[in-house]
């Protein structure tokens, strides 16, 4: 199921906040060559270009729709289409930055280890990933997939992402190549208008593969079943809104 830049950007402010928080912890005043890995529609790339300049940052993504949106947003910045499971920079980089992409790649800790080899001395690998598989929004995707007339489409399929490794795993793996490795969690609490708004949020990311497997004929009913479960799982605030709890993992490693 193709990515949709328009769907993703419905919650641009909320999605950009962790990208901004990650960048705030990058200890580089100047970058001569940097990459935004999994740049999506360019919202995170824009942060990097504002800090370091439009001519030193390159956005990398595998999705054509996302890259088209990014190029419209930042017409003087370079964007390239590539698969991050095999991509490497063409020369050592000062900054390899990735906002919410490596959680999609199996064994990504191996990829991060390899990317450390392609940093300049003192260069920075800065990563942010959702760590929310145990939140109701994700658990209810699985629950919904096992009910309703679409359930046969899910038999024998594993759509749930693997849990992230522990902070200790990242530190142990990256420290031999680093001057320092910082790993931390931040939990965001996003007030959402209603249960439907939470559904719209995950339609742009984690719910995509479930809708694809459910099939076009079942998507509307699948979404309504899921919405009802979300409605029950996220209690109303005093003003009627719902609070979407969203844990994220951050890694900043400085190359030795």
C-alpha atoms as a PDB file:
ATOM      1  CA  UNK A   1       0.000   0.000   0.000  1.00  0.00           C
ATOM      2  CA  UNK A   2       1.617   3.259  -1.148  1.00  0.00           C
ATOM      3  CA  UNK A   3       2.516   5.989   1.294  1.00  0.00           C
ATOM      4  CA  UNK A   4       0.453   9.179   1.162  1.00  0.00           C
ATOM      5  CA  UNK A   5       2.259  12.421   1.905  1.00  0.00           C
ATOM      6  CA  UNK A   6      -1.097  14.182   2.279  1.00  0.00           C
ATOM      7  CA  UNK A   7      -2.305  11.694   4.905  1.00  0.00           C
ATOM      8  CA  UNK A   8       1.005  11.853   6.761  1.00  0.00           C
ATOM      9  CA  UNK A   9       0.975  15.652   6.877  1.00  0.00           C
ATOM     10  CA  UNK A  10      -2.508  15.865   8.423  1.00  0.00           C
ATOM     11  CA  UNK A  11      -0.660  15.907  11.745  1.00  0.00           C
ATOM     12  CA  UNK A  12       2.497  17.675  10.615  1.00  0.00           C
ATOM     13  CA  UNK A  13       3.045  19.674  13.794  1.00  0.00           C
ATOM     14  CA  UNK A  14       2.817  16.596  16.008  1.00  0.00           C
ATOM     15  CA  UNK A  15       4.999  14.486  13.703  1.00  0.00           C
ATOM     16  CA  UNK A  16       7.641  17.209  13.388  1.00  0.00           C
ATOM     17  CA  UNK A  17       7.993  17.813  17.125  1.00  0.00           C
ATOM     18  CA  UNK A  18      10.155  14.705  17.803  1.00  0.00           C
ATOM     19  CA  UNK A  19      12.249  15.548  14.722  1.00  0.00           C
ATOM     20  CA  UNK A  20      12.889  18.973  16.217  1.00  0.00           C
ATOM     21  CA  UNK A  21      13.658  17.460  19.626  1.00  0.00           C
ATOM     22  CA  UNK A  22      16.144  15.047  18.039  1.00  0.00           C
ATOM     23  CA  UNK A  23      17.889  17.821  16.129  1.00  0.00           C
ATOM     24  CA  UNK A  24      18.219  19.865  19.327  1.00  0.00           C
ATOM     25  CA  UNK A  25      20.498  17.136  20.701  1.00  0.00           C
ATOM     26  CA  UNK A  26      22.811  16.971  17.669  1.00  0.00           C
ATOM     27  CA  UNK A  27      26.145  18.442  18.854  1.00  0.00           C
ATOM     28  CA  UNK A  28      27.225  19.872  15.497  1.00  0.00           C
ATOM     29  CA  UNK A  29      27.473  23.574  14.796  1.00  0.00           C
ATOM     30  CA  UNK A  30      28.425  23.037  11.157  1.00  0.00           C
ATOM     31  CA  UNK A  31      27.701  20.299   8.625  1.00  0.00           C
ATOM     32  CA  UNK A  32      29.438  20.012   5.274  1.00  0.00           C
ATOM     33  CA  UNK A  33      27.612  16.860   4.180  1.00  0.00           C
ATOM     34  CA  UNK A  34      24.457  15.570   5.822  1.00  0.00           C
ATOM     35  CA  UNK A  35      21.585  13.243   4.995  1.00  0.00           C
ATOM     36  CA  UNK A  36      17.976  13.049   6.151  1.00  0.00           C
ATOM     37  CA  UNK A  37      17.244   9.323   5.923  1.00  0.00           C
ATOM     38  CA  UNK A  38      13.595   8.477   5.384  1.00  0.00           C
ATOM     39  CA  UNK A  39      12.950  12.152   4.735  1.00  0.00           C
ATOM     40  CA  UNK A  40       9.270  11.608   3.876  1.00  0.00           C
ATOM     41  CA  UNK A  41       7.550  14.797   2.682  1.00  0.00           C
ATOM     42  CA  UNK A  42      10.478  16.968   3.755  1.00  0.00           C
ATOM     43  CA  UNK A  43       9.222  18.311   7.090  1.00  0.00           C
ATOM     44  CA  UNK A  44      12.293  16.987   8.904  1.00  0.00           C
ATOM     45  CA  UNK A  45      14.597  17.965   6.028  1.00  0.00           C
ATOM     46  CA  UNK A  46      13.368  21.520   6.357  1.00  0.00           C
ATOM     47  CA  UNK A  47      14.564  21.609   9.966  1.00  0.00           C
ATOM     48  CA  UNK A  48      18.024  20.456   8.889  1.00  0.00           C
ATOM     49  CA  UNK A  49      18.285  22.968   6.042  1.00  0.00           C
ATOM     50  CA  UNK A  50      17.219  25.805   8.324  1.00  0.00           C
ATOM     51  CA  UNK A  51      20.050  24.939  10.712  1.00  0.00           C
ATOM     52  CA  UNK A  52      22.813  23.882   8.335  1.00  0.00           C
ATOM     53  CA  UNK A  53      21.911  25.205   4.884  1.00  0.00           C
ATOM     54  CA  UNK A  54      20.024  23.982   1.822  1.00  0.00           C
ATOM     55  CA  UNK A  55      23.146  22.927  -0.092  1.00  0.00           C
ATOM     56  CA  UNK A  56      24.643  20.535   2.461  1.00  0.00           C
ATOM     57  CA  UNK A  57      21.620  18.334   3.246  1.00  0.00           C
ATOM     58  CA  UNK A  58      20.297  15.551   1.004  1.00  0.00           C
ATOM     59  CA  UNK A  59      16.952  13.854   1.626  1.00  0.00           C
ATOM     60  CA  UNK A  60      16.720  10.101   1.048  1.00  0.00           C
ATOM     61  CA  UNK A  61      13.494   8.102   0.808  1.00  0.00           C
ATOM     62  CA  UNK A  62      12.185   5.047  -1.019  1.00  0.00           C
ATOM     63  CA  UNK A  63       8.705   6.425  -1.736  1.00  0.00           C
ATOM     64  CA  UNK A  64       8.098   8.452  -4.885  1.00  0.00           C
ATOM     65  CA  UNK A  65       5.038  10.278  -3.537  1.00  0.00           C
ATOM     66  CA  UNK A  66       6.927  11.418  -0.454  1.00  0.00           C
ATOM     67  CA  UNK A  67       9.886  12.597  -2.536  1.00  0.00           C
ATOM     68  CA  UNK A  68       7.628  14.569  -4.883  1.00  0.00           C
ATOM     69  CA  UNK A  69       6.094  16.374  -1.904  1.00  0.00           C
ATOM     70  CA  UNK A  70       9.530  17.015  -0.405  1.00  0.00           C
ATOM     71  CA  UNK A  71      10.835  18.493  -3.665  1.00  0.00           C
ATOM     72  CA  UNK A  72       7.864  20.859  -3.846  1.00  0.00           C
ATOM     73  CA  UNK A  73       8.526  21.937  -0.283  1.00  0.00           C
ATOM     74  CA  UNK A  74      12.283  22.435  -0.731  1.00  0.00           C
ATOM     75  CA  UNK A  75      12.946  22.943  -4.463  1.00  0.00           C
ATOM     76  CA  UNK A  76      16.624  23.837  -4.010  1.00  0.00           C
ATOM     77  CA  UNK A  77      17.453  20.819  -1.844  1.00  0.00           C
ATOM     78  CA  UNK A  78      18.594  17.503  -3.319  1.00  0.00           C
ATOM     79  CA  UNK A  79      16.419  14.434  -2.817  1.00  0.00           C
ATOM     80  CA  UNK A  80      17.260  10.898  -3.922  1.00  0.00           C
ATOM     81  CA  UNK A  81      15.237   7.691  -4.060  1.00  0.00           C
ATOM     82  CA  UNK A  82      16.920   4.741  -2.353  1.00  0.00           C
ATOM     83  CA  UNK A  83      16.300   1.694  -0.183  1.00  0.00           C
ATOM     84  CA  UNK A  84      17.759   2.343   3.262  1.00  0.00           C
ATOM     85  CA  UNK A  85      18.322  -1.361   3.828  1.00  0.00           C
ATOM     86  CA  UNK A  86      21.252  -1.119   1.389  1.00  0.00           C
ATOM     87  CA  UNK A  87      21.941   2.619   0.991  1.00  0.00           C
ATOM     88  CA  UNK A  88      25.286   4.137   1.962  1.00  0.00           C
ATOM     89  CA  UNK A  89      26.558   7.696   1.459  1.00  0.00           C
ATOM     90  CA  UNK A  90      28.892   8.243  -1.475  1.00  0.00           C
ATOM     91  CA  UNK A  91      31.444   9.853   0.859  1.00  0.00           C
ATOM     92  CA  UNK A  92      31.827  10.126   4.642  1.00  0.00           C
ATOM     93  CA  UNK A  93      29.074  12.284   6.147  1.00  0.00           C
ATOM     94  CA  UNK A  94      29.061  14.658   9.091  1.00  0.00           C
ATOM     95  CA  UNK A  95      25.424  13.894   9.898  1.00  0.00           C
ATOM     96  CA  UNK A  96      23.208  10.887   9.288  1.00  0.00           C
ATOM     97  CA  UNK A  97      19.796  11.816  10.651  1.00  0.00           C
ATOM     98  CA  UNK A  98      16.645   9.694  10.613  1.00  0.00           C
ATOM     99  CA  UNK A  99      13.220  10.558  11.986  1.00  0.00           C
ATOM    100  CA  UNK A 100      10.811   7.604  12.339  1.00  0.00           C
ATOM    101  CA  UNK A 101      12.038   5.262   9.617  1.00  0.00           C
ATOM    102  CA  UNK A 102      14.388   2.557  10.920  1.00  0.00           C
ATOM    103  CA  UNK A 103      11.640   0.863  12.966  1.00  0.00           C
ATOM    104  CA  UNK A 104      10.306  -0.389   9.606  1.00  0.00           C
ATOM    105  CA  UNK A 105      13.573  -2.175   8.703  1.00  0.00           C
ATOM    106  CA  UNK A 106      14.304  -5.652  10.100  1.00  0.00           C
ATOM    107  CA  UNK A 107      17.618  -5.941  11.938  1.00  0.00           C
ATOM    108  CA  UNK A 108      18.078  -2.186  11.701  1.00  0.00           C
ATOM    109  CA  UNK A 109      20.669  -2.262  14.467  1.00  0.00           C
ATOM    110  CA  UNK A 110      23.004  -3.884  11.904  1.00  0.00           C
ATOM    111  CA  UNK A 111      22.304  -1.007   9.525  1.00  0.00           C
ATOM    112  CA  UNK A 112      23.061   1.593  12.196  1.00  0.00           C
ATOM    113  CA  UNK A 113      26.335  -0.168  13.008  1.00  0.00           C
ATOM    114  CA  UNK A 114      27.274  -0.066   9.318  1.00  0.00           C
ATOM    115  CA  UNK A 115      26.313   3.595   8.970  1.00  0.00           C
ATOM    116  CA  UNK A 116      28.696   4.497  11.808  1.00  0.00           C
ATOM    117  CA  UNK A 117      31.537   3.465   9.482  1.00  0.00           C
ATOM    118  CA  UNK A 118      30.450   6.150   7.009  1.00  0.00           C
ATOM    119  CA  UNK A 119      30.670   9.122   9.366  1.00  0.00           C
ATOM    120  CA  UNK A 120      33.553  11.557   9.556  1.00  0.00           C
ATOM    121  CA  UNK A 121      35.448  11.648  12.886  1.00  0.00           C
ATOM    122  CA  UNK A 122      33.137  13.518  15.250  1.00  0.00           C
ATOM    123  CA  UNK A 123      30.224  12.965  12.885  1.00  0.00           C
ATOM    124  CA  UNK A 124      26.805  12.172  14.307  1.00  0.00           C
ATOM    125  CA  UNK A 125      24.250   9.416  13.800  1.00  0.00           C
ATOM    126  CA  UNK A 126      20.927  10.751  15.123  1.00  0.00           C
ATOM    127  CA  UNK A 127      17.891   8.460  15.139  1.00  0.00           C
ATOM    128  CA  UNK A 128      14.309   8.666  16.418  1.00  0.00           C
ATOM    129  CA  UNK A 129      11.867   5.751  16.271  1.00  0.00           C
ATOM    130  CA  UNK A 130       8.353   5.154  17.606  1.00  0.00           C
ATOM    131  CA  UNK A 131       8.392   2.662  20.477  1.00  0.00           C
ATOM    132  CA  UNK A 132       4.640   2.300  20.828  1.00  0.00           C
ATOM    133  CA  UNK A 133       3.789  -1.290  19.911  1.00  0.00           C
ATOM    134  CA  UNK A 134       2.233  -1.883  23.322  1.00  0.00           C
ATOM    135  CA  UNK A 135      -0.045   1.149  23.095  1.00  0.00           C
ATOM    136  CA  UNK A 136      -3.784   0.520  22.481  1.00  0.00           C
ATOM    137  CA  UNK A 137      -3.624   1.962  18.975  1.00  0.00           C
ATOM    138  CA  UNK A 138      -1.294  -0.830  17.838  1.00  0.00           C
ATOM    139  CA  UNK A 139      -2.757  -3.640  19.914  1.00  0.00           C
ATOM    140  CA  UNK A 140      -6.225  -2.876  18.535  1.00  0.00           C
ATOM    141  CA  UNK A 141      -4.982  -3.179  14.946  1.00  0.00           C
ATOM    142  CA  UNK A 142      -4.212  -6.816  15.709  1.00  0.00           C
ATOM    143  CA  UNK A 143      -7.511  -7.297  17.533  1.00  0.00           C
ATOM    144  CA  UNK A 144      -9.487  -5.815  14.643  1.00  0.00           C
ATOM    145  CA  UNK A 145      -7.642  -7.970  12.103  1.00  0.00           C
ATOM    146  CA  UNK A 146      -8.837 -11.106  13.923  1.00  0.00           C
ATOM    147  CA  UNK A 147     -12.524 -10.146  13.775  1.00  0.00           C
ATOM    148  CA  UNK A 148     -14.994  -9.453  10.997  1.00  0.00           C
ATOM    149  CA  UNK A 149     -15.321 -10.885   7.492  1.00  0.00           C
ATOM    150  CA  UNK A 150     -11.741  -9.859   6.609  1.00  0.00           C
ATOM    151  CA  UNK A 151     -10.098 -12.109   9.219  1.00  0.00           C
ATOM    152  CA  UNK A 152      -9.319 -14.868   6.697  1.00  0.00           C
ATOM    153  CA  UNK A 153      -7.164 -12.398   4.758  1.00  0.00           C
ATOM    154  CA  UNK A 154      -4.879 -12.106   7.797  1.00  0.00           C
ATOM    155  CA  UNK A 155      -4.418 -15.817   8.479  1.00  0.00           C
ATOM    156  CA  UNK A 156      -0.754 -16.796   8.321  1.00  0.00           C
ATOM    157  CA  UNK A 157       0.397 -13.173   7.997  1.00  0.00           C
ATOM    158  CA  UNK A 158       2.652 -11.308  10.401  1.00  0.00           C
ATOM    159  CA  UNK A 159       2.055  -7.567  10.042  1.00  0.00           C
ATOM    160  CA  UNK A 160       3.096  -6.464  13.498  1.00  0.00           C
ATOM    161  CA  UNK A 161       6.556  -4.884  13.581  1.00  0.00           C
ATOM    162  CA  UNK A 162       9.218  -6.434  15.761  1.00  0.00           C
ATOM    163  CA  UNK A 163       9.747  -4.638  19.082  1.00  0.00           C
ATOM    164  CA  UNK A 164      12.761  -2.344  19.191  1.00  0.00           C
ATOM    165  CA  UNK A 165      15.927  -3.655  20.817  1.00  0.00           C
ATOM    166  CA  UNK A 166      16.633  -2.450  24.338  1.00  0.00           C
ATOM    167  CA  UNK A 167      18.590   0.775  24.967  1.00  0.00           C
ATOM    168  CA  UNK A 168      21.449  -1.418  26.234  1.00  0.00           C
ATOM    169  CA  UNK A 169      21.565  -3.234  22.887  1.00  0.00           C
ATOM    170  CA  UNK A 170      22.064   0.018  20.990  1.00  0.00           C
ATOM    171  CA  UNK A 171      24.703   1.244  23.431  1.00  0.00           C
ATOM    172  CA  UNK A 172      26.620  -2.042  23.345  1.00  0.00           C
ATOM    173  CA  UNK A 173      26.527  -2.198  19.553  1.00  0.00           C
ATOM    174  CA  UNK A 174      27.438   1.405  18.736  1.00  0.00           C
ATOM    175  CA  UNK A 175      29.829   2.282  21.571  1.00  0.00           C
ATOM    176  CA  UNK A 176      32.926   0.556  20.086  1.00  0.00           C
ATOM    177  CA  UNK A 177      32.799   3.059  17.202  1.00  0.00           C
ATOM    178  CA  UNK A 178      31.669   6.100  19.176  1.00  0.00           C
ATOM    179  CA  UNK A 179      32.996   8.773  21.468  1.00  0.00           C
ATOM    180  CA  UNK A 180      29.625   8.636  23.170  1.00  0.00           C
ATOM    181  CA  UNK A 181      26.177   7.162  22.672  1.00  0.00           C
ATOM    182  CA  UNK A 182      23.088   8.743  24.211  1.00  0.00           C
ATOM    183  CA  UNK A 183      19.836   6.749  24.255  1.00  0.00           C
ATOM    184  CA  UNK A 184      16.607   7.969  25.824  1.00  0.00           C
ATOM    185  CA  UNK A 185      12.837   7.741  25.631  1.00  0.00           C
ATOM    186  CA  UNK A 186      10.376  10.600  25.412  1.00  0.00           C
ATOM    187  CA  UNK A 187       6.634  10.124  25.828  1.00  0.00           C
ATOM    188  CA  UNK A 188       4.446  12.555  23.901  1.00  0.00           C
ATOM    189  CA  UNK A 189       0.825  13.124  24.858  1.00  0.00           C
ATOM    190  CA  UNK A 190      -1.103  14.439  21.878  1.00  0.00           C
ATOM    191  CA  UNK A 191      -4.637  15.793  22.506  1.00  0.00           C
ATOM    192  CA  UNK A 192      -6.745  14.581  19.577  1.00  0.00           C
ATOM    193  CA  UNK A 193     -10.171  15.871  18.609  1.00  0.00           C
ATOM    194  CA  UNK A 194     -11.877  12.471  18.902  1.00  0.00           C
ATOM    195  CA  UNK A 195     -11.420   8.758  18.234  1.00  0.00           C
ATOM    196  CA  UNK A 196     -11.677   9.379  14.503  1.00  0.00           C
ATOM    197  CA  UNK A 197      -8.677  11.705  14.656  1.00  0.00           C
ATOM    198  CA  UNK A 198      -6.582   8.927  16.218  1.00  0.00           C
ATOM    199  CA  UNK A 199      -7.626   6.655  13.364  1.00  0.00           C
ATOM    200  CA  UNK A 200      -6.633   9.325  10.841  1.00  0.00           C
ATOM    201  CA  UNK A 201      -3.223   9.574  12.517  1.00  0.00           C
ATOM    202  CA  UNK A 202      -2.433   5.860  12.250  1.00  0.00           C
ATOM    203  CA  UNK A 203      -3.858   5.638   8.714  1.00  0.00           C
ATOM    204  CA  UNK A 204      -0.747   7.551   7.694  1.00  0.00           C
ATOM    205  CA  UNK A 205       1.639   5.007   9.197  1.00  0.00           C
ATOM    206  CA  UNK A 206       1.010   1.815  11.197  1.00  0.00           C
ATOM    207  CA  UNK A 207      -2.496   1.041   9.928  1.00  0.00           C
ATOM    208  CA  UNK A 208      -1.451   1.100   6.259  1.00  0.00           C
ATOM    209  CA  UNK A 209      -0.455  -2.596   5.931  1.00  0.00           C
ATOM    210  CA  UNK A 210      -3.601  -3.736   7.772  1.00  0.00           C
ATOM    211  CA  UNK A 211      -5.860  -1.848   5.385  1.00  0.00           C
ATOM    212  CA  UNK A 212      -3.981  -3.269   2.419  1.00  0.00           C
ATOM    213  CA  UNK A 213      -4.486  -6.854   3.621  1.00  0.00           C
ATOM    214  CA  UNK A 214      -8.124  -6.266   4.581  1.00  0.00           C
ATOM    215  CA  UNK A 215      -8.775  -5.423   0.932  1.00  0.00           C
ATOM    216  CA  UNK A 216     -10.610  -2.556  -0.715  1.00  0.00           C
ATOM    217  CA  UNK A 217     -13.986  -4.220  -0.209  1.00  0.00           C
ATOM    218  CA  UNK A 218     -13.485  -4.331   3.572  1.00  0.00           C
ATOM    219  CA  UNK A 219     -11.526  -1.147   4.291  1.00  0.00           C
ATOM    220  CA  UNK A 220     -14.475   1.020   5.294  1.00  0.00           C
ATOM    221  CA  UNK A 221     -15.891  -1.614   7.651  1.00  0.00           C
ATOM    222  CA  UNK A 222     -12.424  -2.406   9.034  1.00  0.00           C
ATOM    223  CA  UNK A 223     -11.867   1.269   9.821  1.00  0.00           C
ATOM    224  CA  UNK A 224     -15.220   1.596  11.563  1.00  0.00           C
ATOM    225  CA  UNK A 225     -14.597  -1.538  13.656  1.00  0.00           C
ATOM    226  CA  UNK A 226     -11.176  -0.184  14.598  1.00  0.00           C
ATOM    227  CA  UNK A 227     -12.587   3.279  15.361  1.00  0.00           C
ATOM    228  CA  UNK A 228     -15.111   1.811  17.785  1.00  0.00           C
ATOM    229  CA  UNK A 229     -12.346  -0.036  19.609  1.00  0.00           C
ATOM    230  CA  UNK A 230     -10.251   3.146  19.758  1.00  0.00           C
ATOM    231  CA  UNK A 231     -13.291   5.033  21.059  1.00  0.00           C
ATOM    232  CA  UNK A 232     -13.557   2.592  23.958  1.00  0.00           C
ATOM    233  CA  UNK A 233      -9.816   2.453  24.667  1.00  0.00           C
ATOM    234  CA  UNK A 234      -9.041   6.174  24.859  1.00  0.00           C
ATOM    235  CA  UNK A 235     -11.163   7.929  27.506  1.00  0.00           C
ATOM    236  CA  UNK A 236     -12.429  11.447  26.969  1.00  0.00           C
ATOM    237  CA  UNK A 237     -10.674  14.425  28.493  1.00  0.00           C
ATOM    238  CA  UNK A 238     -12.774  17.038  30.289  1.00  0.00           C
ATOM    239  CA  UNK A 239     -13.261  18.909  27.006  1.00  0.00           C
ATOM    240  CA  UNK A 240     -14.156  15.760  25.049  1.00  0.00           C
ATOM    241  CA  UNK A 241     -10.830  15.270  23.310  1.00  0.00           C
ATOM    242  CA  UNK A 242      -8.751  12.059  23.531  1.00  0.00           C
ATOM    243  CA  UNK A 243      -5.126  11.854  24.665  1.00  0.00           C
ATOM    244  CA  UNK A 244      -2.875   9.850  22.347  1.00  0.00           C
ATOM    245  CA  UNK A 245       0.126   8.609  24.338  1.00  0.00           C
ATOM    246  CA  UNK A 246       3.150   8.106  22.070  1.00  0.00           C
ATOM    247  CA  UNK A 247       6.514   6.786  23.382  1.00  0.00           C
ATOM    248  CA  UNK A 248       9.556   7.353  21.141  1.00  0.00           C
ATOM    249  CA  UNK A 249      13.180   6.170  21.334  1.00  0.00           C
ATOM    250  CA  UNK A 250      16.054   8.545  20.566  1.00  0.00           C
ATOM    251  CA  UNK A 251      19.693   7.703  19.778  1.00  0.00           C
ATOM    252  CA  UNK A 252      22.574  10.132  19.247  1.00  0.00           C
ATOM    253  CA  UNK A 253      25.975   8.559  18.578  1.00  0.00           C
ATOM    254  CA  UNK A 254      29.132  10.600  17.974  1.00  0.00           C
ATOM    255  CA  UNK A 255      31.742   8.860  15.827  1.00  0.00           C
ATOM    256  CA  UNK A 256      35.164   8.322  17.375  1.00  0.00           C
END
